[in-house]
Amino acid sequence: MRIFIGLILLLALSWNPASAKEDMTLRALMESKQTSVITMLIGGAGRTLEWVNTDLVDEGKPRLYCLPPNASISQTEYVAIVEKYLELHPDIGEETFQVYPLILLTSLKKMYPC
């Protein structure tokens, strides 16, 4: 049940922020001057993924990604992870900005495999 709630939170975070247009690309959002909005969105998605990971462990299921022991990721670092993904995959920047949770999850799985 907690995983379901976590996924609902992640979906809610991917909804349009008041300051972003529905058709805004991810690149346009990342290049905008709205750093507090970007940090809030991506950082919130990162925190939600952390909660989902914790819930998976509690249920005896495999994690989505595995940070080293005692490691943590700040909201700013989550933003940097998405920025790095965009550098490596510039074509994804033309997708709608709402793809950022998937980019973050994909990156974390590659960076911290279990």
Protein backbone atom coordinates (compact mmCIF):
# COMPACT_ATOMS: atom_id res chain seq x y z
CA MET A 1 0.00 0.00 0.00
CA ARG A 2 2.83 2.41 0.81
CA ILE A 3 4.35 1.82 -2.61
CA PHE A 4 1.04 2.76 -4.18
CA ILE A 5 0.93 5.96 -2.13
CA GLY A 6 4.54 6.73 -3.11
CA LEU A 7 3.76 6.24 -6.77
CA ILE A 8 0.71 8.48 -6.45
CA LEU A 9 2.96 11.15 -4.88
CA LEU A 10 5.42 10.78 -7.74
CA LEU A 11 2.64 11.21 -10.27
CA ALA A 12 1.37 14.25 -8.42
CA LEU A 13 4.84 15.77 -8.56
CA SER A 14 4.89 15.32 -12.31
CA TRP A 15 1.79 17.48 -12.77
CA ASN A 16 2.22 20.94 -14.15
CA PRO A 17 3.63 23.51 -11.78
CA ALA A 18 1.74 26.79 -11.91
CA SER A 19 4.68 28.51 -13.58
CA ALA A 20 5.24 25.96 -16.38
CA LYS A 21 3.28 25.65 -19.58
CA GLU A 22 1.88 22.25 -20.41
CA ASP A 23 3.84 22.07 -23.66
CA MET A 24 7.12 23.28 -22.11
CA THR A 25 10.06 21.05 -22.92
CA LEU A 26 12.32 19.69 -20.24
CA ARG A 27 15.22 21.69 -21.69
CA ALA A 28 13.18 24.92 -21.54
CA LEU A 29 12.31 24.29 -17.90
CA MET A 30 15.90 23.45 -16.96
CA GLU A 31 17.22 26.54 -18.75
CA SER A 32 14.61 28.84 -17.20
CA LYS A 33 15.43 31.12 -14.31
CA GLN A 34 12.97 29.23 -12.09
CA THR A 35 15.62 27.45 -10.03
CA SER A 36 13.44 27.19 -6.92
CA VAL A 37 10.65 25.53 -8.94
CA ILE A 38 13.10 23.17 -10.64
CA THR A 39 14.71 22.24 -7.31
CA MET A 40 11.32 21.70 -5.69
CA LEU A 41 10.04 19.48 -8.52
CA ILE A 42 13.12 17.34 -9.03
CA GLY A 43 14.05 17.27 -5.35
CA GLY A 44 10.51 16.21 -4.49
CA ALA A 45 10.66 13.41 -7.05
CA GLY A 46 13.97 12.29 -5.55
CA ARG A 47 12.53 12.24 -2.02
CA THR A 48 9.52 10.27 -3.25
CA LEU A 49 11.82 7.69 -4.84
CA GLU A 50 13.66 7.42 -1.51
CA TRP A 51 10.35 6.69 0.26
CA VAL A 52 9.39 4.12 -2.34
CA ASN A 53 12.79 2.44 -1.89
CA THR A 54 12.30 2.35 1.89
CA ASP A 55 8.86 0.86 1.49
CA LEU A 56 10.15 -1.79 -0.90
CA VAL A 57 12.76 -2.84 1.67
CA ASP A 58 10.10 -2.95 4.40
CA GLU A 59 8.05 -5.29 2.22
CA GLY A 60 11.03 -7.53 1.46
CA LYS A 61 11.15 -6.50 -2.18
CA PRO A 62 14.18 -5.37 -4.21
CA ARG A 63 15.01 -1.66 -4.24
CA LEU A 64 14.80 0.48 -7.36
CA TYR A 65 18.40 1.63 -6.78
CA CYS A 66 20.95 1.15 -4.00
CA LEU A 67 22.85 4.06 -2.48
CA PRO A 68 26.03 3.19 -0.58
CA PRO A 69 25.53 2.87 3.20
CA ASN A 70 25.09 6.21 5.00
CA ALA A 71 24.94 8.09 1.68
CA SER A 72 22.27 10.65 0.89
CA ILE A 73 21.43 12.90 -2.04
CA SER A 74 20.42 16.53 -1.64
CA GLN A 75 17.76 18.25 -3.72
CA THR A 76 20.49 20.18 -5.53
CA GLU A 77 22.28 16.93 -6.33
CA TYR A 78 19.08 15.48 -7.77
CA VAL A 79 18.88 18.49 -10.09
CA ALA A 80 22.52 17.93 -11.11
CA ILE A 81 21.73 14.29 -11.91
CA VAL A 82 18.94 15.34 -14.29
CA GLU A 83 21.19 18.02 -15.84
CA LYS A 84 23.93 15.43 -16.44
CA TYR A 85 21.41 13.08 -18.08
CA LEU A 86 20.38 15.90 -20.41
CA GLU A 87 24.03 16.49 -21.34
CA LEU A 88 24.46 12.81 -22.21
CA HIS A 89 21.07 12.50 -23.94
CA PRO A 90 20.30 15.92 -25.47
CA ASP A 91 17.34 14.59 -27.46
CA ILE A 92 15.37 13.91 -24.27
CA GLY A 93 15.40 17.65 -23.59
CA GLU A 94 12.80 18.07 -26.31
CA GLU A 95 10.32 15.89 -24.43
CA THR A 96 7.69 17.49 -22.21
CA PHE A 97 9.12 18.60 -18.88
CA GLN A 98 6.91 16.04 -17.13
CA VAL A 99 9.41 13.31 -18.01
CA TYR A 100 11.81 14.40 -15.24
CA PRO A 101 10.77 11.71 -12.69
CA LEU A 102 11.54 8.96 -15.21
CA ILE A 103 14.90 10.55 -16.07
CA LEU A 104 15.77 10.77 -12.40
CA LEU A 105 14.82 7.14 -11.75
CA THR A 106 16.71 5.92 -14.83
CA SER A 107 19.80 7.85 -13.76
CA LEU A 108 19.68 6.62 -10.17
CA LYS A 109 19.34 3.01 -11.34
CA LYS A 110 22.43 3.40 -13.54
CA MET A 111 24.45 5.30 -10.93
CA TYR A 112 23.53 3.05 -7.99
CA PRO A 113 22.71 -0.45 -9.24
CA CYS A 114 21.77 -3.05 -6.67
